Amino acid sequence: MGFNINNRHSNNPLACWKSHVQRGTKMKGSRRVPNCVPRSSGPAQKGSVKGGGTKKVCLPKAKIASMSQQERQKVVSAKQKAGRAGKYKRSSSSNVTGTASKNLKDWVKQDWRQVGDPSKKCGEK
């Protein structure tokens, strides 16, 4: 037996692969097709935090050395607060000034360190 194309447009669980679930329909070109999404995606589960990627803050080593302990703590706590709130970026009110370079090549070559623990390079655990 063939697949009835009319059933694909309804909320038919057979319209998607086993690893996907249908979430309505969408337009693909001029046709309406099922919107099949992976079962693991969709609204965040209870207790999980959307986003909140990293809680580490990285700056050039020379800039960290010129900052006071209070300034460093302000930047780190802003990043941690953003992570707890489910955001990936910290508030712009805690931006650090004076980290500009002449060009992108110089900016990339700087020795980037974690503000919370300058002995660790950016990205180290």
PDB file of N, CA and C in Angstrom:
ATOM      1  N   MET A   1       0.838  -1.184   0.000  1.00  0.00           N
ATOM      2  CA  MET A   1       0.000   0.000   0.000  1.00  0.00           C
ATOM      3  C   MET A   1       0.877   1.239   0.000  1.00  0.00           C
ATOM      4  N   GLY A   2       0.480   2.215  -0.763  1.00  0.00           N
ATOM      5  CA  GLY A   2       1.210   3.470  -0.827  1.00  0.00           C
ATOM      6  C   GLY A   2       0.882   4.377   0.350  1.00  0.00           C
ATOM      7  N   PHE A   3       1.629   5.430   0.456  1.00  0.00           N
ATOM      8  CA  PHE A   3       1.434   6.405   1.522  1.00  0.00           C
ATOM      9  C   PHE A   3       0.435   7.450   1.043  1.00  0.00           C
ATOM     10  N   ASN A   4      -0.627   7.685   1.767  1.00  0.00           N
ATOM     11  CA  ASN A   4      -1.638   8.659   1.370  1.00  0.00           C
ATOM     12  C   ASN A   4      -1.110  10.057   1.664  1.00  0.00           C
ATOM     13  N   ILE A   5      -0.852  10.832   0.622  1.00  0.00           N
ATOM     14  CA  ILE A   5      -0.273  12.162   0.770  1.00  0.00           C
ATOM     15  C   ILE A   5      -1.179  13.080   1.572  1.00  0.00           C
ATOM     16  N   ASN A   6      -2.478  12.881   1.518  1.00  0.00           N
ATOM     17  CA  ASN A   6      -3.392  13.730   2.272  1.00  0.00           C
ATOM     18  C   ASN A   6      -3.208  13.551   3.778  1.00  0.00           C
ATOM     19  N   ASN A   7      -2.823  12.373   4.208  1.00  0.00           N
ATOM     20  CA  ASN A   7      -2.598  12.135   5.634  1.00  0.00           C
ATOM     21  C   ASN A   7      -1.342  12.840   6.134  1.00  0.00           C
ATOM     22  N   ARG A   8      -0.415  13.121   5.236  1.00  0.00           N
ATOM     23  CA  ARG A   8       0.820  13.786   5.645  1.00  0.00           C
ATOM     24  C   ARG A   8       0.566  15.206   6.126  1.00  0.00           C
ATOM     25  N   HIS A   9      -0.517  15.849   5.659  1.00  0.00           N
ATOM     26  CA  HIS A   9      -0.771  17.238   6.013  1.00  0.00           C
ATOM     27  C   HIS A   9      -1.492  17.363   7.348  1.00  0.00           C
ATOM     28  N   SER A  10      -2.048  16.309   7.846  1.00  0.00           N
ATOM     29  CA  SER A  10      -2.705  16.361   9.151  1.00  0.00           C
ATOM     30  C   SER A  10      -1.674  16.053  10.228  1.00  0.00           C
ATOM     31  N   ASN A  11      -2.078  16.074  11.457  1.00  0.00           N
ATOM     32  CA  ASN A  11      -1.167  15.734  12.556  1.00  0.00           C
ATOM     33  C   ASN A  11      -1.061  14.219  12.665  1.00  0.00           C
ATOM     34  N   ASN A  12      -0.529  13.621  11.650  1.00  0.00           N
ATOM     35  CA  ASN A  12      -0.377  12.183  11.562  1.00  0.00           C
ATOM     36  C   ASN A  12       1.023  11.805  12.042  1.00  0.00           C
ATOM     37  N   PRO A  13       1.143  10.980  13.084  1.00  0.00           N
ATOM     38  CA  PRO A  13       2.474  10.624  13.574  1.00  0.00           C
ATOM     39  C   PRO A  13       3.302   9.848  12.558  1.00  0.00           C
ATOM     40  N   LEU A  14       2.675   9.275  11.525  1.00  0.00           N
ATOM     41  CA  LEU A  14       3.414   8.531  10.510  1.00  0.00           C
ATOM     42  C   LEU A  14       4.073   9.450   9.487  1.00  0.00           C
ATOM     43  N   ALA A  15       3.789  10.753   9.544  1.00  0.00           N
ATOM     44  CA  ALA A  15       4.328  11.683   8.569  1.00  0.00           C
ATOM     45  C   ALA A  15       5.810  11.971   8.805  1.00  0.00           C
ATOM     46  N   CYS A  16       6.343  11.605   9.960  1.00  0.00           N
ATOM     47  CA  CYS A  16       7.740  11.902  10.302  1.00  0.00           C
ATOM     48  C   CYS A  16       8.506  10.619  10.604  1.00  0.00           C
ATOM     49  N   TRP A  17       9.840  10.732  10.622  1.00  0.00           N
ATOM     50  CA  TRP A  17      10.680   9.612  11.026  1.00  0.00           C
ATOM     51  C   TRP A  17      10.429   9.278  12.487  1.00  0.00           C
ATOM     52  N   LYS A  18      10.901   8.116  12.901  1.00  0.00           N
ATOM     53  CA  LYS A  18      10.702   7.700  14.293  1.00  0.00           C
ATOM     54  C   LYS A  18      11.406   8.632  15.273  1.00  0.00           C
ATOM     55  N   SER A  19      12.517   9.214  14.853  1.00  0.00           N
ATOM     56  CA  SER A  19      13.285  10.091  15.737  1.00  0.00           C
ATOM     57  C   SER A  19      12.734  11.519  15.779  1.00  0.00           C
ATOM     58  N   HIS A  20      11.688  11.811  14.985  1.00  0.00           N
ATOM     59  CA  HIS A  20      11.124  13.156  14.900  1.00  0.00           C
ATOM     60  C   HIS A  20       9.655  13.144  15.286  1.00  0.00           C
ATOM     61  N   VAL A  21       9.144  14.311  15.623  1.00  0.00           N
ATOM     62  CA  VAL A  21       7.732  14.472  15.938  1.00  0.00           C
ATOM     63  C   VAL A  21       7.207  15.653  15.122  1.00  0.00           C
ATOM     64  N   GLN A  22       5.939  15.572  14.702  1.00  0.00           N
ATOM     65  CA  GLN A  22       5.389  16.626  13.876  1.00  0.00           C
ATOM     66  C   GLN A  22       4.894  17.772  14.748  1.00  0.00           C
ATOM     67  N   ARG A  23       5.299  18.980  14.403  1.00  0.00           N
ATOM     68  CA  ARG A  23       4.837  20.194  15.072  1.00  0.00           C
ATOM     69  C   ARG A  23       4.150  21.063  14.026  1.00  0.00           C
ATOM     70  N   GLY A  24       2.940  20.707  13.641  1.00  0.00           N
ATOM     71  CA  GLY A  24       2.204  21.478  12.650  1.00  0.00           C
ATOM     72  C   GLY A  24       2.734  21.254  11.253  1.00  0.00           C
ATOM     73  N   THR A  25       2.480  22.225  10.384  1.00  0.00           N
ATOM     74  CA  THR A  25       2.947  22.139   9.004  1.00  0.00           C
ATOM     75  C   THR A  25       3.686  23.419   8.652  1.00  0.00           C
ATOM     76  N   LYS A  26       4.398  23.366   7.527  1.00  0.00           N
ATOM     77  CA  LYS A  26       5.137  24.538   7.043  1.00  0.00           C
ATOM     78  C   LYS A  26       5.079  24.545   5.532  1.00  0.00           C
ATOM     79  N   MET A  27       5.382  25.694   4.958  1.00  0.00           N
ATOM     80  CA  MET A  27       5.409  25.823   3.500  1.00  0.00           C
ATOM     81  C   MET A  27       6.823  25.515   3.008  1.00  0.00           C
ATOM     82  N   LYS A  28       6.931  24.650   2.036  1.00  0.00           N
ATOM     83  CA  LYS A  28       8.200  24.336   1.392  1.00  0.00           C
ATOM     84  C   LYS A  28       7.995  24.582  -0.085  1.00  0.00           C
ATOM     85  N   GLY A  29       8.501  25.737  -0.537  1.00  0.00           N
ATOM     86  CA  GLY A  29       8.193  26.157  -1.901  1.00  0.00           C
ATOM     87  C   GLY A  29       6.730  26.571  -1.947  1.00  0.00           C
ATOM     88  N   SER A  30       5.968  25.929  -2.801  1.00  0.00           N
ATOM     89  CA  SER A  30       4.539  26.235  -2.883  1.00  0.00           C
ATOM     90  C   SER A  30       3.693  25.138  -2.263  1.00  0.00           C
ATOM     91  N   ARG A  31       4.326  24.167  -1.618  1.00  0.00           N
ATOM     92  CA  ARG A  31       3.598  23.047  -1.014  1.00  0.00           C
ATOM     93  C   ARG A  31       3.581  23.166   0.499  1.00  0.00           C
ATOM     94  N   ARG A  32       2.552  22.659   1.135  1.00  0.00           N
ATOM     95  CA  ARG A  32       2.470  22.583   2.585  1.00  0.00           C
ATOM     96  C   ARG A  32       2.908  21.176   2.988  1.00  0.00           C
ATOM     97  N   VAL A  33       3.921  21.105   3.852  1.00  0.00           N
ATOM     98  CA  VAL A  33       4.485  19.820   4.277  1.00  0.00           C
ATOM     99  C   VAL A  33       4.517  19.756   5.802  1.00  0.00           C
ATOM    100  N   PRO A  34       4.612  18.555   6.377  1.00  0.00           N
ATOM    101  CA  PRO A  34       4.685  18.451   7.835  1.00  0.00           C
ATOM    102  C   PRO A  34       5.970  19.085   8.365  1.00  0.00           C
ATOM    103  N   ASN A  35       5.886  19.719   9.501  1.00  0.00           N
ATOM    104  CA  ASN A  35       7.060  20.300  10.154  1.00  0.00           C
ATOM    105  C   ASN A  35       7.566  19.272  11.158  1.00  0.00           C
ATOM    106  N   CYS A  36       8.528  18.471  10.750  1.00  0.00           N
ATOM    107  CA  CYS A  36       9.066  17.408  11.594  1.00  0.00           C
ATOM    108  C   CYS A  36      10.313  17.909  12.300  1.00  0.00           C
ATOM    109  N   VAL A  37      10.315  17.859  13.630  1.00  0.00           N
ATOM    110  CA  VAL A  37      11.446  18.314  14.436  1.00  0.00           C
ATOM    111  C   VAL A  37      11.946  17.161  15.292  1.00  0.00           C
ATOM    112  N   PRO A  38      13.234  17.147  15.623  1.00  0.00           N
ATOM    113  CA  PRO A  38      13.749  16.080  16.488  1.00  0.00           C
ATOM    114  C   PRO A  38      13.004  16.049  17.818  1.00  0.00           C
ATOM    115  N   ARG A  39      12.820  14.870  18.354  1.00  0.00           N
ATOM    116  CA  ARG A  39      12.077  14.727  19.607  1.00  0.00           C
ATOM    117  C   ARG A  39      12.732  15.478  20.761  1.00  0.00           C
ATOM    118  N   SER A  40      14.040  15.614  20.746  1.00  0.00           N
ATOM    119  CA  SER A  40      14.727  16.266  21.863  1.00  0.00           C
ATOM    120  C   SER A  40      14.605  17.775  21.811  1.00  0.00           C
ATOM    121  N   SER A  41      14.254  18.368  20.646  1.00  0.00           N
ATOM    122  CA  SER A  41      14.161  19.821  20.566  1.00  0.00           C
ATOM    123  C   SER A  41      12.763  20.268  20.953  1.00  0.00           C
ATOM    124  N   GLY A  42      12.589  21.578  20.976  1.00  0.00           N
ATOM    125  CA  GLY A  42      11.297  22.118  21.343  1.00  0.00           C
ATOM    126  C   GLY A  42      11.416  22.911  22.622  1.00  0.00           C
ATOM    127  N   PRO A  43      10.294  23.136  23.300  1.00  0.00           N
ATOM    128  CA  PRO A  43      10.349  23.919  24.540  1.00  0.00           C
ATOM    129  C   PRO A  43      11.240  23.245  25.570  1.00  0.00           C
ATOM    130  N   ALA A  44      11.913  24.050  26.346  1.00  0.00           N
ATOM    131  CA  ALA A  44      12.824  23.521  27.362  1.00  0.00           C
ATOM    132  C   ALA A  44      12.052  22.712  28.390  1.00  0.00           C
ATOM    133  N   GLN A  45      12.638  21.621  28.837  1.00  0.00           N
ATOM    134  CA  GLN A  45      12.023  20.792  29.858  1.00  0.00           C
ATOM    135  C   GLN A  45      12.044  21.517  31.191  1.00  0.00           C
ATOM    136  N   LYS A  46      11.167  21.130  32.100  1.00  0.00           N
ATOM    137  CA  LYS A  46      11.152  21.745  33.419  1.00  0.00           C
ATOM    138  C   LYS A  46      12.505  21.609  34.082  1.00  0.00           C
ATOM    139  N   GLY A  47      12.964  22.681  34.674  1.00  0.00           N
ATOM    140  CA  GLY A  47      14.228  22.647  35.394  1.00  0.00           C
ATOM    141  C   GLY A  47      15.440  22.938  34.529  1.00  0.00           C
ATOM    142  N   SER A  48      15.304  22.828  33.226  1.00  0.00           N
ATOM    143  CA  SER A  48      16.463  23.104  32.383  1.00  0.00           C
ATOM    144  C   SER A  48      16.505  24.589  32.059  1.00  0.00           C
ATOM    145  N   VAL A  49      17.690  25.074  31.784  1.00  0.00           N
ATOM    146  CA  VAL A  49      17.888  26.482  31.498  1.00  0.00           C
ATOM    147  C   VAL A  49      18.191  26.637  30.025  1.00  0.00           C
ATOM    148  N   LYS A  50      17.463  27.517  29.361  1.00  0.00           N
ATOM    149  CA  LYS A  50      17.718  27.776  27.949  1.00  0.00           C
ATOM    150  C   LYS A  50      18.962  28.642  27.841  1.00  0.00           C
ATOM    151  N   GLY A  51      19.845  28.315  26.914  1.00  0.00           N
ATOM    152  CA  GLY A  51      21.054  29.105  26.739  1.00  0.00           C
ATOM    153  C   GLY A  51      21.997  28.892  27.902  1.00  0.00           C
ATOM    154  N   GLY A  52      22.464  29.980  28.488  1.00  0.00           N
ATOM    155  CA  GLY A  52      23.334  29.885  29.650  1.00  0.00           C
ATOM    156  C   GLY A  52      24.599  29.122  29.355  1.00  0.00           C
ATOM    157  N   GLY A  53      25.148  29.322  28.163  1.00  0.00           N
ATOM    158  CA  GLY A  53      26.313  28.557  27.744  1.00  0.00           C
ATOM    159  C   GLY A  53      27.460  28.577  28.727  1.00  0.00           C
ATOM    160  N   THR A  54      28.255  29.589  28.710  1.00  0.00           N
ATOM    161  CA  THR A  54      29.458  29.619  29.514  1.00  0.00           C
ATOM    162  C   THR A  54      29.336  30.611  30.650  1.00  0.00           C
ATOM    163  N   LYS A  55      30.075  30.383  31.690  1.00  0.00           N
ATOM    164  CA  LYS A  55      30.121  31.317  32.811  1.00  0.00           C
ATOM    165  C   LYS A  55      31.516  31.916  32.944  1.00  0.00           C
ATOM    166  N   LYS A  56      32.400  31.567  31.997  1.00  0.00           N
ATOM    167  CA  LYS A  56      33.764  32.097  32.026  1.00  0.00           C
ATOM    168  C   LYS A  56      33.839  33.401  31.254  1.00  0.00           C
ATOM    169  N   VAL A  57      34.679  34.299  31.732  1.00  0.00           N
ATOM    170  CA  VAL A  57      34.920  35.568  31.054  1.00  0.00           C
ATOM    171  C   VAL A  57      36.387  35.597  30.678  1.00  0.00           C
ATOM    172  N   CYS A  58      36.675  35.899  29.420  1.00  0.00           N
ATOM    173  CA  CYS A  58      38.055  35.946  28.947  1.00  0.00           C
ATOM    174  C   CYS A  58      38.401  37.349  28.473  1.00  0.00           C
ATOM    175  N   LEU A  59      39.574  37.784  28.861  1.00  0.00           N
ATOM    176  CA  LEU A  59      40.118  39.078  28.446  1.00  0.00           C
ATOM    177  C   LEU A  59      41.618  38.912  28.224  1.00  0.00           C
ATOM    178  N   PRO A  60      42.246  39.879  27.541  1.00  0.00           N
ATOM    179  CA  PRO A  60      43.704  39.804  27.390  1.00  0.00           C
ATOM    180  C   PRO A  60      44.391  39.882  28.754  1.00  0.00           C
ATOM    181  N   LYS A  61      45.478  39.135  28.906  1.00  0.00           N
ATOM    182  CA  LYS A  61      46.193  39.058  30.180  1.00  0.00           C
ATOM    183  C   LYS A  61      46.624  40.443  30.669  1.00  0.00           C
ATOM    184  N   ALA A  62      47.073  41.304  29.764  1.00  0.00           N
ATOM    185  CA  ALA A  62      47.508  42.647  30.145  1.00  0.00           C
ATOM    186  C   ALA A  62      46.352  43.459  30.715  1.00  0.00           C
ATOM    187  N   LYS A  63      45.158  43.285  30.158  1.00  0.00           N
ATOM    188  CA  LYS A  63      43.995  44.020  30.659  1.00  0.00           C
ATOM    189  C   LYS A  63      43.604  43.525  32.045  1.00  0.00           C
ATOM    190  N   ILE A  64      43.644  42.222  32.252  1.00  0.00           N
ATOM    191  CA  ILE A  64      43.302  41.660  33.563  1.00  0.00           C
ATOM    192  C   ILE A  64      44.255  42.196  34.618  1.00  0.00           C
ATOM    193  N   ALA A  65      45.545  42.286  34.278  1.00  0.00           N
ATOM    194  CA  ALA A  65      46.547  42.775  35.221  1.00  0.00           C
ATOM    195  C   ALA A  65      46.294  44.238  35.604  1.00  0.00           C
ATOM    196  N   SER A  66      45.725  45.016  34.683  1.00  0.00           N
ATOM    197  CA  SER A  66      45.483  46.433  34.971  1.00  0.00           C
ATOM    198  C   SER A  66      44.164  46.677  35.712  1.00  0.00           C
ATOM    199  N   MET A  67      43.333  45.648  35.855  1.00  0.00           N
ATOM    200  CA  MET A  67      42.040  45.804  36.525  1.00  0.00           C
ATOM    201  C   MET A  67      42.170  45.568  38.028  1.00  0.00           C
ATOM    202  N   SER A  68      41.335  46.263  38.793  1.00  0.00           N
ATOM    203  CA  SER A  68      41.310  46.016  40.240  1.00  0.00           C
ATOM    204  C   SER A  68      40.513  44.737  40.506  1.00  0.00           C
ATOM    205  N   GLN A  69      40.627  44.207  41.693  1.00  0.00           N
ATOM    206  CA  GLN A  69      39.902  42.994  42.069  1.00  0.00           C
ATOM    207  C   GLN A  69      38.388  43.230  41.972  1.00  0.00           C
ATOM    208  N   GLN A  70      37.948  44.434  42.344  1.00  0.00           N
ATOM    209  CA  GLN A  70      36.518  44.755  42.273  1.00  0.00           C
ATOM    210  C   GLN A  70      36.022  44.760  40.832  1.00  0.00           C
ATOM    211  N   GLU A  71      36.806  45.322  39.927  1.00  0.00           N
ATOM    212  CA  GLU A  71      36.417  45.353  38.519  1.00  0.00           C
ATOM    213  C   GLU A  71      36.327  43.938  37.948  1.00  0.00           C
ATOM    214  N   ARG A  72      37.288  43.109  38.298  1.00  0.00           N
ATOM    215  CA  ARG A  72      37.265  41.723  37.816  1.00  0.00           C
ATOM    216  C   ARG A  72      36.050  40.981  38.353  1.00  0.00           C
ATOM    217  N   GLN A  73      35.768  41.166  39.639  1.00  0.00           N
ATOM    218  CA  GLN A  73      34.631  40.483  40.248  1.00  0.00           C
ATOM    219  C   GLN A  73      33.314  40.947  39.631  1.00  0.00           C
ATOM    220  N   LYS A  74      33.215  42.228  39.283  1.00  0.00           N
ATOM    221  CA  LYS A  74      32.001  42.767  38.666  1.00  0.00           C
ATOM    222  C   LYS A  74      31.721  42.088  37.327  1.00  0.00           C
ATOM    223  N   VAL A  75      32.764  41.918  36.525  1.00  0.00           N
ATOM    224  CA  VAL A  75      32.609  41.286  35.205  1.00  0.00           C
ATOM    225  C   VAL A  75      32.242  39.815  35.358  1.00  0.00           C
ATOM    226  N   VAL A  76      32.911  39.109  36.261  1.00  0.00           N
ATOM    227  CA  VAL A  76      32.650  37.684  36.462  1.00  0.00           C
ATOM    228  C   VAL A  76      31.235  37.467  36.991  1.00  0.00           C
ATOM    229  N   SER A  77      30.807  38.267  37.975  1.00  0.00           N
ATOM    230  CA  SER A  77      29.468  38.083  38.543  1.00  0.00           C
ATOM    231  C   SER A  77      28.383  38.423  37.529  1.00  0.00           C
ATOM    232  N   ALA A  78      28.631  39.398  36.648  1.00  0.00           N
ATOM    233  CA  ALA A  78      27.654  39.725  35.603  1.00  0.00           C
ATOM    234  C   ALA A  78      27.481  38.547  34.648  1.00  0.00           C
ATOM    235  N   LYS A  79      28.579  37.881  34.305  1.00  0.00           N
ATOM    236  CA  LYS A  79      28.511  36.731  33.407  1.00  0.00           C
ATOM    237  C   LYS A  79      27.795  35.563  34.073  1.00  0.00           C
ATOM    238  N   GLN A  80      28.080  35.324  35.354  1.00  0.00           N
ATOM    239  CA  GLN A  80      27.430  34.231  36.077  1.00  0.00           C
ATOM    240  C   GLN A  80      25.937  34.490  36.233  1.00  0.00           C
ATOM    241  N   LYS A  81      25.573  35.735  36.492  1.00  0.00           N
ATOM    242  CA  LYS A  81      24.165  36.101  36.628  1.00  0.00           C
ATOM    243  C   LYS A  81      23.430  35.870  35.304  1.00  0.00           C
ATOM    244  N   ALA A  82      24.059  36.241  34.194  1.00  0.00           N
ATOM    245  CA  ALA A  82      23.453  36.020  32.879  1.00  0.00           C
ATOM    246  C   ALA A  82      23.286  34.525  32.607  1.00  0.00           C
ATOM    247  N   GLY A  83      24.266  33.716  33.005  1.00  0.00           N
ATOM    248  CA  GLY A  83      24.185  32.271  32.817  1.00  0.00           C
ATOM    249  C   GLY A  83      23.047  31.660  33.611  1.00  0.00           C
ATOM    250  N   ARG A  84      22.859  32.116  34.848  1.00  0.00           N
ATOM    251  CA  ARG A  84      21.760  31.609  35.680  1.00  0.00           C
ATOM    252  C   ARG A  84      20.402  32.008  35.111  1.00  0.00           C
ATOM    253  N   ALA A  85      20.345  33.158  34.447  1.00  0.00           N
ATOM    254  CA  ALA A  85      19.096  33.639  33.858  1.00  0.00           C
ATOM    255  C   ALA A  85      18.812  32.982  32.509  1.00  0.00           C
ATOM    256  N   GLY A  86      19.731  32.148  32.033  1.00  0.00           N
ATOM    257  CA  GLY A  86      19.531  31.460  30.769  1.00  0.00           C
ATOM    258  C   GLY A  86      20.013  32.237  29.572  1.00  0.00           C
ATOM    259  N   LYS A  87      20.785  33.275  29.793  1.00  0.00           N
ATOM    260  CA  LYS A  87      21.306  34.077  28.690  1.00  0.00           C
ATOM    261  C   LYS A  87      22.735  33.654  28.404  1.00  0.00           C
ATOM    262  N   TYR A  88      23.175  33.881  27.173  1.00  0.00           N
ATOM    263  CA  TYR A  88      24.527  33.497  26.783  1.00  0.00           C
ATOM    264  C   TYR A  88      25.508  34.632  27.006  1.00  0.00           C
ATOM    265  N   LYS A  89      25.040  35.871  26.856  1.00  0.00           N
ATOM    266  CA  LYS A  89      25.918  37.019  26.985  1.00  0.00           C
ATOM    267  C   LYS A  89      25.610  37.772  28.264  1.00  0.00           C
ATOM    268  N   ARG A  90      26.641  38.388  28.820  1.00  0.00           N
ATOM    269  CA  ARG A  90      26.439  39.194  30.019  1.00  0.00           C
ATOM    270  C   ARG A  90      25.898  40.558  29.641  1.00  0.00           C
ATOM    271  N   SER A  91      25.456  41.293  30.642  1.00  0.00           N
ATOM    272  CA  SER A  91      24.896  42.619  30.418  1.00  0.00           C
ATOM    273  C   SER A  91      25.947  43.561  29.848  1.00  0.00           C
ATOM    274  N   SER A  92      25.538  44.425  28.955  1.00  0.00           N
ATOM    275  CA  SER A  92      26.479  45.376  28.355  1.00  0.00           C
ATOM    276  C   SER A  92      26.913  46.431  29.364  1.00  0.00           C
ATOM    277  N   SER A  93      26.188  46.563  30.487  1.00  0.00           N
ATOM    278  CA  SER A  93      26.584  47.536  31.508  1.00  0.00           C
ATOM    279  C   SER A  93      27.901  47.136  32.175  1.00  0.00           C
ATOM    280  N   SER A  94      28.298  45.878  32.047  1.00  0.00           N
ATOM    281  CA  SER A  94      29.558  45.426  32.635  1.00  0.00           C
ATOM    282  C   SER A  94      30.666  45.326  31.586  1.00  0.00           C
ATOM    283  N   ASN A  95      30.495  45.976  30.450  1.00  0.00           N
ATOM    284  CA  ASN A  95      31.528  45.942  29.404  1.00  0.00           C
ATOM    285  C   ASN A  95      32.828  46.548  29.908  1.00  0.00           C
ATOM    286  N   VAL A  96      33.927  46.021  29.419  1.00  0.00           N
ATOM    287  CA  VAL A  96      35.256  46.477  29.807  1.00  0.00           C
ATOM    288  C   VAL A  96      35.799  47.363  28.701  1.00  0.00           C
ATOM    289  N   THR A  97      36.357  48.507  29.064  1.00  0.00           N
ATOM    290  CA  THR A  97      36.918  49.407  28.061  1.00  0.00           C
ATOM    291  C   THR A  97      38.432  49.267  28.040  1.00  0.00           C
ATOM    292  N   GLY A  98      39.033  49.702  26.966  1.00  0.00           N
ATOM    293  CA  GLY A  98      40.491  49.690  26.863  1.00  0.00           C
ATOM    294  C   GLY A  98      41.067  48.385  26.390  1.00  0.00           C
ATOM    295  N   THR A  99      40.280  47.566  25.709  1.00  0.00           N
ATOM    296  CA  THR A  99      40.801  46.298  25.196  1.00  0.00           C
ATOM    297  C   THR A  99      40.979  46.337  23.684  1.00  0.00           C
ATOM    298  N   ALA A 100      40.847  47.503  23.091  1.00  0.00           N
ATOM    299  CA  ALA A 100      40.938  47.617  21.628  1.00  0.00           C
ATOM    300  C   ALA A 100      42.367  47.380  21.146  1.00  0.00           C
ATOM    301  N   SER A 101      42.465  46.854  19.955  1.00  0.00           N
ATOM    302  CA  SER A 101      43.754  46.629  19.310  1.00  0.00           C
ATOM    303  C   SER A 101      43.788  47.404  18.011  1.00  0.00           C
ATOM    304  N   LYS A 102      44.978  47.457  17.401  1.00  0.00           N
ATOM    305  CA  LYS A 102      45.130  48.171  16.135  1.00  0.00           C
ATOM    306  C   LYS A 102      44.302  47.522  15.034  1.00  0.00           C
ATOM    307  N   ASN A 103      44.338  46.190  15.009  1.00  0.00           N
ATOM    308  CA  ASN A 103      43.584  45.469  13.987  1.00  0.00           C
ATOM    309  C   ASN A 103      43.231  44.078  14.519  1.00  0.00           C
ATOM    310  N   LEU A 104      42.482  43.356  13.746  1.00  0.00           N
ATOM    311  CA  LEU A 104      42.014  42.037  14.167  1.00  0.00           C
ATOM    312  C   LEU A 104      43.165  41.065  14.385  1.00  0.00           C
ATOM    313  N   LYS A 105      44.200  41.166  13.578  1.00  0.00           N
ATOM    314  CA  LYS A 105      45.345  40.264  13.704  1.00  0.00           C
ATOM    315  C   LYS A 105      46.005  40.426  15.078  1.00  0.00           C
ATOM    316  N   ASP A 106      46.193  41.669  15.525  1.00  0.00           N
ATOM    317  CA  ASP A 106      46.766  41.914  16.854  1.00  0.00           C
ATOM    318  C   ASP A 106      45.819  41.450  17.958  1.00  0.00           C
ATOM    319  N   TRP A 107      44.532  41.643  17.750  1.00  0.00           N
ATOM    320  CA  TRP A 107      43.530  41.265  18.746  1.00  0.00           C
ATOM    321  C   TRP A 107      43.549  39.759  18.994  1.00  0.00           C
ATOM    322  N   VAL A 108      43.661  38.991  17.919  1.00  0.00           N
ATOM    323  CA  VAL A 108      43.668  37.530  18.027  1.00  0.00           C
ATOM    324  C   VAL A 108      44.959  37.032  18.680  1.00  0.00           C
ATOM    325  N   LYS A 109      46.078  37.701  18.422  1.00  0.00           N
ATOM    326  CA  LYS A 109      47.376  37.247  18.935  1.00  0.00           C
ATOM    327  C   LYS A 109      47.560  37.485  20.430  1.00  0.00           C
ATOM    328  N   GLN A 110      46.696  38.275  21.057  1.00  0.00           N
ATOM    329  CA  GLN A 110      46.858  38.569  22.477  1.00  0.00           C
ATOM    330  C   GLN A 110      46.725  37.301  23.317  1.00  0.00           C
ATOM    331  N   ASP A 111      47.319  37.318  24.488  1.00  0.00           N
ATOM    332  CA  ASP A 111      47.267  36.187  25.411  1.00  0.00           C
ATOM    333  C   ASP A 111      45.960  36.283  26.208  1.00  0.00           C
ATOM    334  N   TRP A 112      44.938  35.556  25.755  1.00  0.00           N
ATOM    335  CA  TRP A 112      43.619  35.619  26.384  1.00  0.00           C
ATOM    336  C   TRP A 112      43.565  34.683  27.582  1.00  0.00           C
ATOM    337  N   ARG A 113      43.102  35.204  28.704  1.00  0.00           N
ATOM    338  CA  ARG A 113      43.031  34.452  29.958  1.00  0.00           C
ATOM    339  C   ARG A 113      41.644  34.592  30.578  1.00  0.00           C
ATOM    340  N   GLN A 114      41.323  33.676  31.519  1.00  0.00           N
ATOM    341  CA  GLN A 114      40.069  33.750  32.257  1.00  0.00           C
ATOM    342  C   GLN A 114      40.202  34.808  33.336  1.00  0.00           C
ATOM    343  N   VAL A 115      39.205  35.687  33.441  1.00  0.00           N
ATOM    344  CA  VAL A 115      39.258  36.759  34.425  1.00  0.00           C
ATOM    345  C   VAL A 115      39.199  36.192  35.840  1.00  0.00           C
ATOM    346  N   GLY A 116      38.389  35.167  36.057  1.00  0.00           N
ATOM    347  CA  GLY A 116      38.263  34.565  37.381  1.00  0.00           C
ATOM    348  C   GLY A 116      39.527  33.865  37.849  1.00  0.00           C
ATOM    349  N   ASP A 117      40.289  33.298  36.927  1.00  0.00           N
ATOM    350  CA  ASP A 117      41.528  32.602  37.248  1.00  0.00           C
ATOM    351  C   ASP A 117      42.529  32.855  36.114  1.00  0.00           C
ATOM    352  N   PRO A 118      43.297  33.966  36.195  1.00  0.00           N
ATOM    353  CA  PRO A 118      44.207  34.331  35.093  1.00  0.00           C
ATOM    354  C   PRO A 118      45.294  33.310  34.794  1.00  0.00           C
ATOM    355  N   SER A 119      45.502  32.323  35.692  1.00  0.00           N
ATOM    356  CA  SER A 119      46.499  31.313  35.401  1.00  0.00           C
ATOM    357  C   SER A 119      46.023  30.342  34.305  1.00  0.00           C
ATOM    358  N   LYS A 120      44.714  30.341  34.020  1.00  0.00           N
ATOM    359  CA  LYS A 120      44.152  29.457  32.997  1.00  0.00           C
ATOM    360  C   LYS A 120      43.906  30.234  31.721  1.00  0.00           C
ATOM    361  N   LYS A 121      44.244  29.599  30.593  1.00  0.00           N
ATOM    362  CA  LYS A 121      43.965  30.209  29.303  1.00  0.00           C
ATOM    363  C   LYS A 121      42.473  30.146  29.026  1.00  0.00           C
ATOM    364  N   CYS A 122      42.015  31.001  28.142  1.00  0.00           N
ATOM    365  CA  CYS A 122      40.612  31.029  27.769  1.00  0.00           C
ATOM    366  C   CYS A 122      40.233  29.681  27.136  1.00  0.00           C
ATOM    367  N   GLY A 123      39.199  29.057  27.635  1.00  0.00           N
ATOM    368  CA  GLY A 123      38.766  27.767  27.127  1.00  0.00           C
ATOM    369  C   GLY A 123      39.228  26.582  27.951  1.00  0.00           C
ATOM    370  N   GLU A 124      40.215  26.775  28.832  1.00  0.00           N
ATOM    371  CA  GLU A 124      40.663  25.688  29.707  1.00  0.00           C
ATOM    372  C   GLU A 124      39.619  25.425  30.781  1.00  0.00           C
ATOM    373  N   LYS A 125      39.593  24.194  31.250  1.00  0.00           N
ATOM    374  CA  LYS A 125      38.671  23.855  32.342  1.00  0.00           C
ATOM    375  C   LYS A 125      39.383  23.867  33.659  1.00  0.00           C
TER     376      LYS A 125
END
